[in-house]
Amino acid sequence: MGEHKELRMFLVEAVRILQSLEDQILRLSTADTAQTYVMIDKMICLLHTLKRQALFFGFMEMAMLIRQAVFMLQAIVYESISVHGENIDLLLDIKNTLKAMVRELCGIRENIRVGERVEFH
């Protein structure tokens, strides 16, 4: 019973984080350099929070995808990739995939056991 409460709390928090992430990504392409660094730092913190929670529940695919988003954001900071165009689109695609994973988890949450690997479709 407690597992379902914790999972429900995770899903609510994940939705909130992903909405905040989307807002930040959409603002990223028009931000100046100083704002970009602050926004990326905030996004990385949000993603790390989500990744830790996903790992707690054994959602490895979700955690790996989050890790890729963090790598992309770090590459923007280190100026390895640009903050415009297809990189913004890719970040939004990652966010949309994470959102789909959360929706899928909402549909099967009663059958999830903490620490048991979940395969996403």
PDB file of N, CA and C in Angstrom:
ATOM      1  N   MET A   1       0.815  -1.194   0.000  1.00  0.00           N
ATOM      2  CA  MET A   1       0.000   0.000   0.000  1.00  0.00           C
ATOM      3  C   MET A   1       0.863   1.264   0.000  1.00  0.00           C
ATOM      4  N   GLY A   2       1.894   1.308   0.842  1.00  0.00           N
ATOM      5  CA  GLY A   2       2.797   2.454   0.908  1.00  0.00           C
ATOM      6  C   GLY A   2       3.541   2.668  -0.390  1.00  0.00           C
ATOM      7  N   GLU A   3       3.859   1.570  -1.088  1.00  0.00           N
ATOM      8  CA  GLU A   3       4.562   1.687  -2.365  1.00  0.00           C
ATOM      9  C   GLU A   3       3.732   2.477  -3.355  1.00  0.00           C
ATOM     10  N   HIS A   4       2.424   2.229  -3.376  1.00  0.00           N
ATOM     11  CA  HIS A   4       1.560   2.928  -4.323  1.00  0.00           C
ATOM     12  C   HIS A   4       1.473   4.409  -3.991  1.00  0.00           C
ATOM     13  N   LYS A   5       1.472   4.734  -2.695  1.00  0.00           N
ATOM     14  CA  LYS A   5       1.453   6.140  -2.296  1.00  0.00           C
ATOM     15  C   LYS A   5       2.732   6.817  -2.753  1.00  0.00           C
ATOM     16  N   GLU A   6       3.867   6.182  -2.530  1.00  0.00           N
ATOM     17  CA  GLU A   6       5.150   6.755  -2.959  1.00  0.00           C
ATOM     18  C   GLU A   6       5.204   6.887  -4.477  1.00  0.00           C
ATOM     19  N   LEU A   7       4.704   5.889  -5.176  1.00  0.00           N
ATOM     20  CA  LEU A   7       4.695   5.935  -6.635  1.00  0.00           C
ATOM     21  C   LEU A   7       3.785   7.046  -7.127  1.00  0.00           C
ATOM     22  N   ARG A   8       2.638   7.187  -6.511  1.00  0.00           N
ATOM     23  CA  ARG A   8       1.713   8.258  -6.887  1.00  0.00           C
ATOM     24  C   ARG A   8       2.371   9.618  -6.674  1.00  0.00           C
ATOM     25  N   MET A   9       3.081   9.786  -5.569  1.00  0.00           N
ATOM     26  CA  MET A   9       3.792  11.038  -5.298  1.00  0.00           C
ATOM     27  C   MET A   9       4.868  11.281  -6.353  1.00  0.00           C
ATOM     28  N   PHE A  10       5.586  10.220  -6.743  1.00  0.00           N
ATOM     29  CA  PHE A  10       6.597  10.337  -7.793  1.00  0.00           C
ATOM     30  C   PHE A  10       5.958  10.804  -9.097  1.00  0.00           C
ATOM     31  N   LEU A  11       4.831  10.224  -9.466  1.00  0.00           N
ATOM     32  CA  LEU A  11       4.182  10.571 -10.734  1.00  0.00           C
ATOM     33  C   LEU A  11       3.701  12.016 -10.733  1.00  0.00           C
ATOM     34  N   VAL A  12       3.149  12.470  -9.625  1.00  0.00           N
ATOM     35  CA  VAL A  12       2.717  13.870  -9.515  1.00  0.00           C
ATOM     36  C   VAL A  12       3.922  14.796  -9.655  1.00  0.00           C
ATOM     37  N   GLU A  13       4.995  14.465  -8.958  1.00  0.00           N
ATOM     38  CA  GLU A  13       6.222  15.273  -9.030  1.00  0.00           C
ATOM     39  C   GLU A  13       6.819  15.234 -10.437  1.00  0.00           C
ATOM     40  N   ALA A  14       6.784  14.090 -11.082  1.00  0.00           N
ATOM     41  CA  ALA A  14       7.330  13.963 -12.443  1.00  0.00           C
ATOM     42  C   ALA A  14       6.569  14.856 -13.409  1.00  0.00           C
ATOM     43  N   VAL A  15       5.253  14.894 -13.290  1.00  0.00           N
ATOM     44  CA  VAL A  15       4.447  15.765 -14.163  1.00  0.00           C
ATOM     45  C   VAL A  15       4.836  17.224 -13.934  1.00  0.00           C
ATOM     46  N   ARG A  16       4.988  17.616 -12.683  1.00  0.00           N
ATOM     47  CA  ARG A  16       5.372  18.996 -12.362  1.00  0.00           C
ATOM     48  C   ARG A  16       6.754  19.329 -12.925  1.00  0.00           C
ATOM     49  N   ILE A  17       7.693  18.423 -12.743  1.00  0.00           N
ATOM     50  CA  ILE A  17       9.054  18.642 -13.239  1.00  0.00           C
ATOM     51  C   ILE A  17       9.065  18.749 -14.761  1.00  0.00           C
ATOM     52  N   LEU A  18       8.352  17.863 -15.432  1.00  0.00           N
ATOM     53  CA  LEU A  18       8.343  17.875 -16.890  1.00  0.00           C
ATOM     54  C   LEU A  18       7.681  19.132 -17.445  1.00  0.00           C
ATOM     55  N   GLN A  19       6.665  19.644 -16.773  1.00  0.00           N
ATOM     56  CA  GLN A  19       6.045  20.894 -17.213  1.00  0.00           C
ATOM     57  C   GLN A  19       7.022  22.052 -17.050  1.00  0.00           C
ATOM     58  N   SER A  20       7.690  22.101 -15.923  1.00  0.00           N
ATOM     59  CA  SER A  20       8.691  23.139 -15.694  1.00  0.00           C
ATOM     60  C   SER A  20       9.822  23.031 -16.714  1.00  0.00           C
ATOM     61  N   LEU A  21      10.229  21.802 -16.995  1.00  0.00           N
ATOM     62  CA  LEU A  21      11.285  21.568 -17.973  1.00  0.00           C
ATOM     63  C   LEU A  21      10.876  22.077 -19.351  1.00  0.00           C
ATOM     64  N   GLU A  22       9.640  21.791 -19.743  1.00  0.00           N
ATOM     65  CA  GLU A  22       9.154  22.262 -21.047  1.00  0.00           C
ATOM     66  C   GLU A  22       9.185  23.786 -21.118  1.00  0.00           C
ATOM     67  N   ASP A  23       8.721  24.438 -20.064  1.00  0.00           N
ATOM     68  CA  ASP A  23       8.740  25.901 -20.028  1.00  0.00           C
ATOM     69  C   ASP A  23      10.159  26.438 -20.199  1.00  0.00           C
ATOM     70  N   GLN A  24      11.104  25.824 -19.502  1.00  0.00           N
ATOM     71  CA  GLN A  24      12.499  26.260 -19.578  1.00  0.00           C
ATOM     72  C   GLN A  24      13.086  26.035 -20.973  1.00  0.00           C
ATOM     73  N   ILE A  25      12.796  24.886 -21.562  1.00  0.00           N
ATOM     74  CA  ILE A  25      13.321  24.576 -22.900  1.00  0.00           C
ATOM     75  C   ILE A  25      12.788  25.585 -23.913  1.00  0.00           C
ATOM     76  N   LEU A  26      11.506  25.893 -23.844  1.00  0.00           N
ATOM     77  CA  LEU A  26      10.906  26.824 -24.796  1.00  0.00           C
ATOM     78  C   LEU A  26      11.490  28.233 -24.657  1.00  0.00           C
ATOM     79  N   ARG A  27      11.841  28.614 -23.458  1.00  0.00           N
ATOM     80  CA  ARG A  27      12.447  29.933 -23.228  1.00  0.00           C
ATOM     81  C   ARG A  27      13.933  29.957 -23.560  1.00  0.00           C
ATOM     82  N   LEU A  28      14.536  28.785 -23.606  1.00  0.00           N
ATOM     83  CA  LEU A  28      15.983  28.678 -23.790  1.00  0.00           C
ATOM     84  C   LEU A  28      16.470  29.296 -25.103  1.00  0.00           C
ATOM     85  N   SER A  29      15.728  29.084 -26.182  1.00  0.00           N
ATOM     86  CA  SER A  29      16.205  29.545 -27.486  1.00  0.00           C
ATOM     87  C   SER A  29      16.206  31.063 -27.625  1.00  0.00           C
ATOM     88  N   THR A  30      15.483  31.766 -26.760  1.00  0.00           N
ATOM     89  CA  THR A  30      15.459  33.229 -26.847  1.00  0.00           C
ATOM     90  C   THR A  30      16.215  33.895 -25.704  1.00  0.00           C
ATOM     91  N   ALA A  31      16.803  33.117 -24.834  1.00  0.00           N
ATOM     92  CA  ALA A  31      17.512  33.667 -23.673  1.00  0.00           C
ATOM     93  C   ALA A  31      18.881  34.188 -24.073  1.00  0.00           C
ATOM     94  N   ASP A  32      19.351  35.201 -23.333  1.00  0.00           N
ATOM     95  CA  ASP A  32      20.727  35.653 -23.557  1.00  0.00           C
ATOM     96  C   ASP A  32      21.677  34.678 -22.858  1.00  0.00           C
ATOM     97  N   THR A  33      22.953  34.858 -23.051  1.00  0.00           N
ATOM     98  CA  THR A  33      23.944  33.896 -22.553  1.00  0.00           C
ATOM     99  C   THR A  33      23.864  33.701 -21.042  1.00  0.00           C
ATOM    100  N   ALA A  34      23.763  34.794 -20.298  1.00  0.00           N
ATOM    101  CA  ALA A  34      23.711  34.684 -18.832  1.00  0.00           C
ATOM    102  C   ALA A  34      22.448  33.928 -18.398  1.00  0.00           C
ATOM    103  N   GLN A  35      21.312  34.245 -19.022  1.00  0.00           N
ATOM    104  CA  GLN A  35      20.068  33.549 -18.695  1.00  0.00           C
ATOM    105  C   GLN A  35      20.167  32.075 -19.063  1.00  0.00           C
ATOM    106  N   THR A  36      20.814  31.788 -20.189  1.00  0.00           N
ATOM    107  CA  THR A  36      20.945  30.406 -20.654  1.00  0.00           C
ATOM    108  C   THR A  36      21.614  29.545 -19.595  1.00  0.00           C
ATOM    109  N   TYR A  37      22.703  30.031 -19.018  1.00  0.00           N
ATOM    110  CA  TYR A  37      23.422  29.245 -18.014  1.00  0.00           C
ATOM    111  C   TYR A  37      22.578  29.014 -16.766  1.00  0.00           C
ATOM    112  N   VAL A  38      21.852  30.039 -16.343  1.00  0.00           N
ATOM    113  CA  VAL A  38      20.992  29.900 -15.165  1.00  0.00           C
ATOM    114  C   VAL A  38      19.875  28.901 -15.446  1.00  0.00           C
ATOM    115  N   MET A  39      19.268  29.003 -16.624  1.00  0.00           N
ATOM    116  CA  MET A  39      18.174  28.105 -16.991  1.00  0.00           C
ATOM    117  C   MET A  39      18.658  26.662 -17.119  1.00  0.00           C
ATOM    118  N   ILE A  40      19.817  26.477 -17.725  1.00  0.00           N
ATOM    119  CA  ILE A  40      20.358  25.126 -17.870  1.00  0.00           C
ATOM    120  C   ILE A  40      20.676  24.529 -16.507  1.00  0.00           C
ATOM    121  N   ASP A  41      21.226  25.335 -15.611  1.00  0.00           N
ATOM    122  CA  ASP A  41      21.511  24.841 -14.262  1.00  0.00           C
ATOM    123  C   ASP A  41      20.227  24.381 -13.579  1.00  0.00           C
ATOM    124  N   LYS A  42      19.165  25.164 -13.729  1.00  0.00           N
ATOM    125  CA  LYS A  42      17.872  24.790 -13.137  1.00  0.00           C
ATOM    126  C   LYS A  42      17.341  23.505 -13.772  1.00  0.00           C
ATOM    127  N   MET A  43      17.462  23.392 -15.104  1.00  0.00           N
ATOM    128  CA  MET A  43      16.980  22.183 -15.783  1.00  0.00           C
ATOM    129  C   MET A  43      17.760  20.951 -15.344  1.00  0.00           C
ATOM    130  N   ILE A  44      19.063  21.087 -15.199  1.00  0.00           N
ATOM    131  CA  ILE A  44      19.881  19.955 -14.764  1.00  0.00           C
ATOM    132  C   ILE A  44      19.479  19.522 -13.354  1.00  0.00           C
ATOM    133  N   CYS A  45      19.216  20.473 -12.473  1.00  0.00           N
ATOM    134  CA  CYS A  45      18.765  20.128 -11.116  1.00  0.00           C
ATOM    135  C   CYS A  45      17.434  19.380 -11.157  1.00  0.00           C
ATOM    136  N   LEU A  46      16.497  19.885 -11.963  1.00  0.00           N
ATOM    137  CA  LEU A  46      15.201  19.210 -12.096  1.00  0.00           C
ATOM    138  C   LEU A  46      15.377  17.788 -12.620  1.00  0.00           C
ATOM    139  N   LEU A  47      16.214  17.648 -13.635  1.00  0.00           N
ATOM    140  CA  LEU A  47      16.434  16.330 -14.235  1.00  0.00           C
ATOM    141  C   LEU A  47      17.111  15.367 -13.264  1.00  0.00           C
ATOM    142  N   HIS A  48      18.059  15.866 -12.478  1.00  0.00           N
ATOM    143  CA  HIS A  48      18.710  15.002 -11.490  1.00  0.00           C
ATOM    144  C   HIS A  48      17.716  14.531 -10.425  1.00  0.00           C
ATOM    145  N   THR A  49      16.820  15.418 -10.028  1.00  0.00           N
ATOM    146  CA  THR A  49      15.785  15.027  -9.072  1.00  0.00           C
ATOM    147  C   THR A  49      14.920  13.918  -9.658  1.00  0.00           C
ATOM    148  N   LEU A  50      14.484  14.110 -10.892  1.00  0.00           N
ATOM    149  CA  LEU A  50      13.652  13.106 -11.548  1.00  0.00           C
ATOM    150  C   LEU A  50      14.408  11.790 -11.740  1.00  0.00           C
ATOM    151  N   LYS A  51      15.683  11.888 -12.104  1.00  0.00           N
ATOM    152  CA  LYS A  51      16.483  10.673 -12.318  1.00  0.00           C
ATOM    153  C   LYS A  51      16.647   9.882 -11.019  1.00  0.00           C
ATOM    154  N   ARG A  52      16.936  10.565  -9.926  1.00  0.00           N
ATOM    155  CA  ARG A  52      17.080   9.871  -8.634  1.00  0.00           C
ATOM    156  C   ARG A  52      15.796   9.138  -8.268  1.00  0.00           C
ATOM    157  N   GLN A  53      14.675   9.809  -8.461  1.00  0.00           N
ATOM    158  CA  GLN A  53      13.396   9.190  -8.142  1.00  0.00           C
ATOM    159  C   GLN A  53      13.117   8.005  -9.069  1.00  0.00           C
ATOM    160  N   ALA A  54      13.416   8.158 -10.349  1.00  0.00           N
ATOM    161  CA  ALA A  54      13.204   7.065 -11.305  1.00  0.00           C
ATOM    162  C   ALA A  54      14.062   5.861 -10.921  1.00  0.00           C
ATOM    163  N   LEU A  55      15.303   6.107 -10.548  1.00  0.00           N
ATOM    164  CA  LEU A  55      16.191   5.013 -10.146  1.00  0.00           C
ATOM    165  C   LEU A  55      15.683   4.320  -8.883  1.00  0.00           C
ATOM    166  N   PHE A  56      15.122   5.078  -7.962  1.00  0.00           N
ATOM    167  CA  PHE A  56      14.568   4.499  -6.737  1.00  0.00           C
ATOM    168  C   PHE A  56      13.517   3.446  -7.071  1.00  0.00           C
ATOM    169  N   PHE A  57      12.699   3.740  -8.084  1.00  0.00           N
ATOM    170  CA  PHE A  57      11.638   2.819  -8.470  1.00  0.00           C
ATOM    171  C   PHE A  57      12.087   1.782  -9.492  1.00  0.00           C
ATOM    172  N   GLY A  58      13.333   1.875  -9.949  1.00  0.00           N
ATOM    173  CA  GLY A  58      13.843   0.897 -10.905  1.00  0.00           C
ATOM    174  C   GLY A  58      13.489   1.202 -12.352  1.00  0.00           C
ATOM    175  N   PHE A  59      13.149   2.444 -12.655  1.00  0.00           N
ATOM    176  CA  PHE A  59      12.796   2.831 -14.014  1.00  0.00           C
ATOM    177  C   PHE A  59      14.068   3.208 -14.777  1.00  0.00           C
ATOM    178  N   MET A  60      14.830   2.190 -15.152  1.00  0.00           N
ATOM    179  CA  MET A  60      16.159   2.387 -15.738  1.00  0.00           C
ATOM    180  C   MET A  60      16.115   3.114 -17.081  1.00  0.00           C
ATOM    181  N   GLU A  61      15.156   2.762 -17.933  1.00  0.00           N
ATOM    182  CA  GLU A  61      15.074   3.420 -19.241  1.00  0.00           C
ATOM    183  C   GLU A  61      14.822   4.913 -19.077  1.00  0.00           C
ATOM    184  N   MET A  62      13.983   5.254 -18.137  1.00  0.00           N
ATOM    185  CA  MET A  62      13.706   6.659 -17.872  1.00  0.00           C
ATOM    186  C   MET A  62      14.978   7.363 -17.382  1.00  0.00           C
ATOM    187  N   ALA A  63      15.684   6.738 -16.473  1.00  0.00           N
ATOM    188  CA  ALA A  63      16.914   7.320 -15.940  1.00  0.00           C
ATOM    189  C   ALA A  63      17.967   7.495 -17.028  1.00  0.00           C
ATOM    190  N   MET A  64      18.083   6.532 -17.937  1.00  0.00           N
ATOM    191  CA  MET A  64      19.062   6.649 -19.024  1.00  0.00           C
ATOM    192  C   MET A  64      18.709   7.793 -19.973  1.00  0.00           C
ATOM    193  N   LEU A  65      17.432   7.969 -20.252  1.00  0.00           N
ATOM    194  CA  LEU A  65      17.003   9.057 -21.123  1.00  0.00           C
ATOM    195  C   LEU A  65      17.267  10.410 -20.458  1.00  0.00           C
ATOM    196  N   ILE A  66      16.999  10.492 -19.187  1.00  0.00           N
ATOM    197  CA  ILE A  66      17.274  11.718 -18.431  1.00  0.00           C
ATOM    198  C   ILE A  66      18.770  12.030 -18.478  1.00  0.00           C
ATOM    199  N   ARG A  67      19.573  11.004 -18.346  1.00  0.00           N
ATOM    200  CA  ARG A  67      21.033  11.183 -18.410  1.00  0.00           C
ATOM    201  C   ARG A  67      21.450  11.792 -19.744  1.00  0.00           C
ATOM    202  N   GLN A  68      20.829  11.353 -20.829  1.00  0.00           N
ATOM    203  CA  GLN A  68      21.146  11.903 -22.150  1.00  0.00           C
ATOM    204  C   GLN A  68      20.763  13.381 -22.235  1.00  0.00           C
ATOM    205  N   ALA A  69      19.632  13.731 -21.656  1.00  0.00           N
ATOM    206  CA  ALA A  69      19.218  15.140 -21.649  1.00  0.00           C
ATOM    207  C   ALA A  69      20.216  15.987 -20.867  1.00  0.00           C
ATOM    208  N   VAL A  70      20.687  15.473 -19.742  1.00  0.00           N
ATOM    209  CA  VAL A  70      21.687  16.200 -18.948  1.00  0.00           C
ATOM    210  C   VAL A  70      22.974  16.368 -19.758  1.00  0.00           C
ATOM    211  N   PHE A  71      23.407  15.321 -20.467  1.00  0.00           N
ATOM    212  CA  PHE A  71      24.604  15.431 -21.316  1.00  0.00           C
ATOM    213  C   PHE A  71      24.427  16.509 -22.369  1.00  0.00           C
ATOM    214  N   MET A  72      23.244  16.571 -22.976  1.00  0.00           N
ATOM    215  CA  MET A  72      22.984  17.607 -23.986  1.00  0.00           C
ATOM    216  C   MET A  72      23.074  18.994 -23.380  1.00  0.00           C
ATOM    217  N   LEU A  73      22.467  19.174 -22.220  1.00  0.00           N
ATOM    218  CA  LEU A  73      22.504  20.484 -21.570  1.00  0.00           C
ATOM    219  C   LEU A  73      23.931  20.875 -21.192  1.00  0.00           C
ATOM    220  N   GLN A  74      24.703  19.906 -20.719  1.00  0.00           N
ATOM    221  CA  GLN A  74      26.101  20.191 -20.394  1.00  0.00           C
ATOM    222  C   GLN A  74      26.890  20.547 -21.649  1.00  0.00           C
ATOM    223  N   ALA A  75      26.583  19.908 -22.758  1.00  0.00           N
ATOM    224  CA  ALA A  75      27.260  20.217 -24.016  1.00  0.00           C
ATOM    225  C   ALA A  75      26.945  21.643 -24.468  1.00  0.00           C
ATOM    226  N   ILE A  76      25.737  22.106 -24.192  1.00  0.00           N
ATOM    227  CA  ILE A  76      25.394  23.502 -24.512  1.00  0.00           C
ATOM    228  C   ILE A  76      26.233  24.446 -23.654  1.00  0.00           C
ATOM    229  N   VAL A  77      26.342  24.143 -22.370  1.00  0.00           N
ATOM    230  CA  VAL A  77      27.137  24.981 -21.457  1.00  0.00           C
ATOM    231  C   VAL A  77      28.592  25.039 -21.917  1.00  0.00           C
ATOM    232  N   TYR A  78      29.137  23.897 -22.321  1.00  0.00           N
ATOM    233  CA  TYR A  78      30.536  23.844 -22.749  1.00  0.00           C
ATOM    234  C   TYR A  78      30.708  24.242 -24.209  1.00  0.00           C
ATOM    235  N   GLU A  79      29.601  24.692 -24.814  1.00  0.00           N
ATOM    236  CA  GLU A  79      29.580  25.193 -26.188  1.00  0.00           C
ATOM    237  C   GLU A  79      30.017  24.152 -27.218  1.00  0.00           C
ATOM    238  N   SER A  80      29.767  22.885 -26.906  1.00  0.00           N
ATOM    239  CA  SER A  80      30.022  21.810 -27.866  1.00  0.00           C
ATOM    240  C   SER A  80      28.905  21.728 -28.892  1.00  0.00           C
ATOM    241  N   ILE A  81      27.693  22.118 -28.474  1.00  0.00           N
ATOM    242  CA  ILE A  81      26.557  22.163 -29.391  1.00  0.00           C
ATOM    243  C   ILE A  81      25.833  23.494 -29.181  1.00  0.00           C
ATOM    244  N   SER A  82      25.045  23.884 -30.161  1.00  0.00           N
ATOM    245  CA  SER A  82      24.329  25.161 -30.074  1.00  0.00           C
ATOM    246  C   SER A  82      23.044  25.004 -29.275  1.00  0.00           C
ATOM    247  N   VAL A  83      22.503  26.130 -28.887  1.00  0.00           N
ATOM    248  CA  VAL A  83      21.288  26.147 -28.085  1.00  0.00           C
ATOM    249  C   VAL A  83      20.056  26.340 -28.963  1.00  0.00           C
ATOM    250  N   HIS A  84      20.213  26.292 -30.260  1.00  0.00           N
ATOM    251  CA  HIS A  84      19.105  26.602 -31.172  1.00  0.00           C
ATOM    252  C   HIS A  84      18.706  25.398 -32.026  1.00  0.00           C
ATOM    253  N   GLY A  85      17.605  25.596 -32.749  1.00  0.00           N
ATOM    254  CA  GLY A  85      17.172  24.665 -33.781  1.00  0.00           C
ATOM    255  C   GLY A  85      16.928  23.255 -33.336  1.00  0.00           C
ATOM    256  N   GLU A  86      17.614  22.349 -34.014  1.00  0.00           N
ATOM    257  CA  GLU A  86      17.324  20.930 -33.796  1.00  0.00           C
ATOM    258  C   GLU A  86      17.689  20.454 -32.390  1.00  0.00           C
ATOM    259  N   ASN A  87      18.601  21.122 -31.711  1.00  0.00           N
ATOM    260  CA  ASN A  87      18.933  20.718 -30.342  1.00  0.00           C
ATOM    261  C   ASN A  87      17.784  21.036 -29.381  1.00  0.00           C
ATOM    262  N   ILE A  88      17.114  22.152 -29.592  1.00  0.00           N
ATOM    263  CA  ILE A  88      15.922  22.467 -28.804  1.00  0.00           C
ATOM    264  C   ILE A  88      14.837  21.436 -29.109  1.00  0.00           C
ATOM    265  N   ASP A  89      14.668  21.129 -30.401  1.00  0.00           N
ATOM    266  CA  ASP A  89      13.678  20.118 -30.796  1.00  0.00           C
ATOM    267  C   ASP A  89      13.982  18.769 -30.147  1.00  0.00           C
ATOM    268  N   LEU A  90      15.253  18.405 -30.101  1.00  0.00           N
ATOM    269  CA  LEU A  90      15.636  17.128 -29.494  1.00  0.00           C
ATOM    270  C   LEU A  90      15.345  17.123 -27.994  1.00  0.00           C
ATOM    271  N   LEU A  91      15.630  18.223 -27.317  1.00  0.00           N
ATOM    272  CA  LEU A  91      15.307  18.313 -25.888  1.00  0.00           C
ATOM    273  C   LEU A  91      13.799  18.189 -25.658  1.00  0.00           C
ATOM    274  N   LEU A  92      13.016  18.822 -26.538  1.00  0.00           N
ATOM    275  CA  LEU A  92      11.557  18.695 -26.425  1.00  0.00           C
ATOM    276  C   LEU A  92      11.102  17.267 -26.709  1.00  0.00           C
ATOM    277  N   ASP A  93      11.749  16.598 -27.660  1.00  0.00           N
ATOM    278  CA  ASP A  93      11.426  15.192 -27.941  1.00  0.00           C
ATOM    279  C   ASP A  93      11.713  14.313 -26.725  1.00  0.00           C
ATOM    280  N   ILE A  94      12.844  14.557 -26.074  1.00  0.00           N
ATOM    281  CA  ILE A  94      13.188  13.800 -24.867  1.00  0.00           C
ATOM    282  C   ILE A  94      12.136  14.048 -23.794  1.00  0.00           C
ATOM    283  N   LYS A  95      11.771  15.312 -23.602  1.00  0.00           N
ATOM    284  CA  LYS A  95      10.745  15.653 -22.618  1.00  0.00           C
ATOM    285  C   LYS A  95       9.432  14.962 -22.952  1.00  0.00           C
ATOM    286  N   ASN A  96       9.050  14.950 -24.222  1.00  0.00           N
ATOM    287  CA  ASN A  96       7.799  14.296 -24.631  1.00  0.00           C
ATOM    288  C   ASN A  96       7.855  12.786 -24.393  1.00  0.00           C
ATOM    289  N   THR A  97       9.003  12.175 -24.627  1.00  0.00           N
ATOM    290  CA  THR A  97       9.155  10.737 -24.373  1.00  0.00           C
ATOM    291  C   THR A  97       9.051  10.450 -22.878  1.00  0.00           C
ATOM    292  N   LEU A  98       9.681  11.290 -22.065  1.00  0.00           N
ATOM    293  CA  LEU A  98       9.570  11.126 -20.613  1.00  0.00           C
ATOM    294  C   LEU A  98       8.119  11.286 -20.154  1.00  0.00           C
ATOM    295  N   LYS A  99       7.429  12.244 -20.745  1.00  0.00           N
ATOM    296  CA  LYS A  99       6.022  12.460 -20.407  1.00  0.00           C
ATOM    297  C   LYS A  99       5.180  11.233 -20.779  1.00  0.00           C
ATOM    298  N   ALA A 100       5.471  10.629 -21.932  1.00  0.00           N
ATOM    299  CA  ALA A 100       4.762   9.415 -22.347  1.00  0.00           C
ATOM    300  C   ALA A 100       5.053   8.266 -21.380  1.00  0.00           C
ATOM    301  N   MET A 101       6.287   8.175 -20.906  1.00  0.00           N
ATOM    302  CA  MET A 101       6.637   7.146 -19.927  1.00  0.00           C
ATOM    303  C   MET A 101       5.842   7.344 -18.637  1.00  0.00           C
ATOM    304  N   VAL A 102       5.735   8.591 -18.198  1.00  0.00           N
ATOM    305  CA  VAL A 102       4.978   8.878 -16.977  1.00  0.00           C
ATOM    306  C   VAL A 102       3.514   8.522 -17.177  1.00  0.00           C
ATOM    307  N   ARG A 103       2.955   8.862 -18.346  1.00  0.00           N
ATOM    308  CA  ARG A 103       1.555   8.496 -18.631  1.00  0.00           C
ATOM    309  C   ARG A 103       1.375   6.981 -18.590  1.00  0.00           C
ATOM    310  N   GLU A 104       2.343   6.265 -19.163  1.00  0.00           N
ATOM    311  CA  GLU A 104       2.266   4.801 -19.150  1.00  0.00           C
ATOM    312  C   GLU A 104       2.313   4.278 -17.715  1.00  0.00           C
ATOM    313  N   LEU A 105       3.176   4.860 -16.907  1.00  0.00           N
ATOM    314  CA  LEU A 105       3.266   4.441 -15.503  1.00  0.00           C
ATOM    315  C   LEU A 105       1.968   4.725 -14.753  1.00  0.00           C
ATOM    316  N   CYS A 106       1.323   5.827 -15.074  1.00  0.00           N
ATOM    317  CA  CYS A 106       0.038   6.141 -14.438  1.00  0.00           C
ATOM    318  C   CYS A 106      -0.989   5.042 -14.723  1.00  0.00           C
ATOM    319  N   GLY A 107      -0.928   4.477 -15.904  1.00  0.00           N
ATOM    320  CA  GLY A 107      -1.884   3.439 -16.290  1.00  0.00           C
ATOM    321  C   GLY A 107      -1.616   2.090 -15.652  1.00  0.00           C
ATOM    322  N   ILE A 108      -0.373   1.822 -15.253  1.00  0.00           N
ATOM    323  CA  ILE A 108      -0.046   0.491 -14.710  1.00  0.00           C
ATOM    324  C   ILE A 108       0.436   0.543 -13.264  1.00  0.00           C
ATOM    325  N   ARG A 109       0.288   1.678 -12.602  1.00  0.00           N
ATOM    326  CA  ARG A 109       0.920   1.855 -11.288  1.00  0.00           C
ATOM    327  C   ARG A 109       0.493   0.838 -10.241  1.00  0.00           C
ATOM    328  N   GLU A 110      -0.718   0.318 -10.339  1.00  0.00           N
ATOM    329  CA  GLU A 110      -1.170  -0.663  -9.342  1.00  0.00           C
ATOM    330  C   GLU A 110      -0.399  -1.978  -9.450  1.00  0.00           C
ATOM    331  N   ASN A 111       0.221  -2.241 -10.590  1.00  0.00           N
ATOM    332  CA  ASN A 111       0.943  -3.502 -10.806  1.00  0.00           C
ATOM    333  C   ASN A 111       2.455  -3.369 -10.632  1.00  0.00           C
ATOM    334  N   ILE A 112       2.931  -2.209 -10.247  1.00  0.00           N
ATOM    335  CA  ILE A 112       4.371  -1.965 -10.133  1.00  0.00           C
ATOM    336  C   ILE A 112       4.837  -2.300  -8.726  1.00  0.00           C
ATOM    337  N   ARG A 113       5.950  -2.979  -8.648  1.00  0.00           N
ATOM    338  CA  ARG A 113       6.617  -3.271  -7.381  1.00  0.00           C
ATOM    339  C   ARG A 113       7.920  -2.484  -7.359  1.00  0.00           C
ATOM    340  N   VAL A 114       8.194  -1.819  -6.251  1.00  0.00           N
ATOM    341  CA  VAL A 114       9.413  -1.017  -6.128  1.00  0.00           C
ATOM    342  C   VAL A 114      10.628  -1.891  -6.396  1.00  0.00           C
ATOM    343  N   GLY A 115      11.527  -1.384  -7.236  1.00  0.00           N
ATOM    344  CA  GLY A 115      12.752  -2.096  -7.560  1.00  0.00           C
ATOM    345  C   GLY A 115      12.623  -3.080  -8.699  1.00  0.00           C
ATOM    346  N   GLU A 116      11.397  -3.362  -9.133  1.00  0.00           N
ATOM    347  CA  GLU A 116      11.173  -4.290 -10.239  1.00  0.00           C
ATOM    348  C   GLU A 116      11.287  -3.517 -11.549  1.00  0.00           C
ATOM    349  N   ARG A 117      12.035  -4.053 -12.494  1.00  0.00           N
ATOM    350  CA  ARG A 117      12.259  -3.362 -13.757  1.00  0.00           C
ATOM    351  C   ARG A 117      10.958  -3.257 -14.554  1.00  0.00           C
ATOM    352  N   VAL A 118      10.726  -2.075 -15.096  1.00  0.00           N
ATOM    353  CA  VAL A 118       9.540  -1.813 -15.912  1.00  0.00           C
ATOM    354  C   VAL A 118      10.005  -1.603 -17.344  1.00  0.00           C
ATOM    355  N   GLU A 119       9.412  -2.321 -18.265  1.00  0.00           N
ATOM    356  CA  GLU A 119       9.701  -2.157 -19.694  1.00  0.00           C
ATOM    357  C   GLU A 119       8.687  -1.188 -20.276  1.00  0.00           C
ATOM    358  N   PHE A 120       9.173  -0.141 -20.941  1.00  0.00           N
ATOM    359  CA  PHE A 120       8.276   0.833 -21.556  1.00  0.00           C
ATOM    360  C   PHE A 120       8.015   0.444 -22.994  1.00  0.00           C
ATOM    361  N   HIS A 121       6.828   0.776 -23.473  1.00  0.00           N
ATOM    362  CA  HIS A 121       6.432   0.426 -24.845  1.00  0.00           C
ATOM    363  C   HIS A 121       6.451   1.619 -25.750  1.00  0.00           C
TER     364      HIS A 121
END
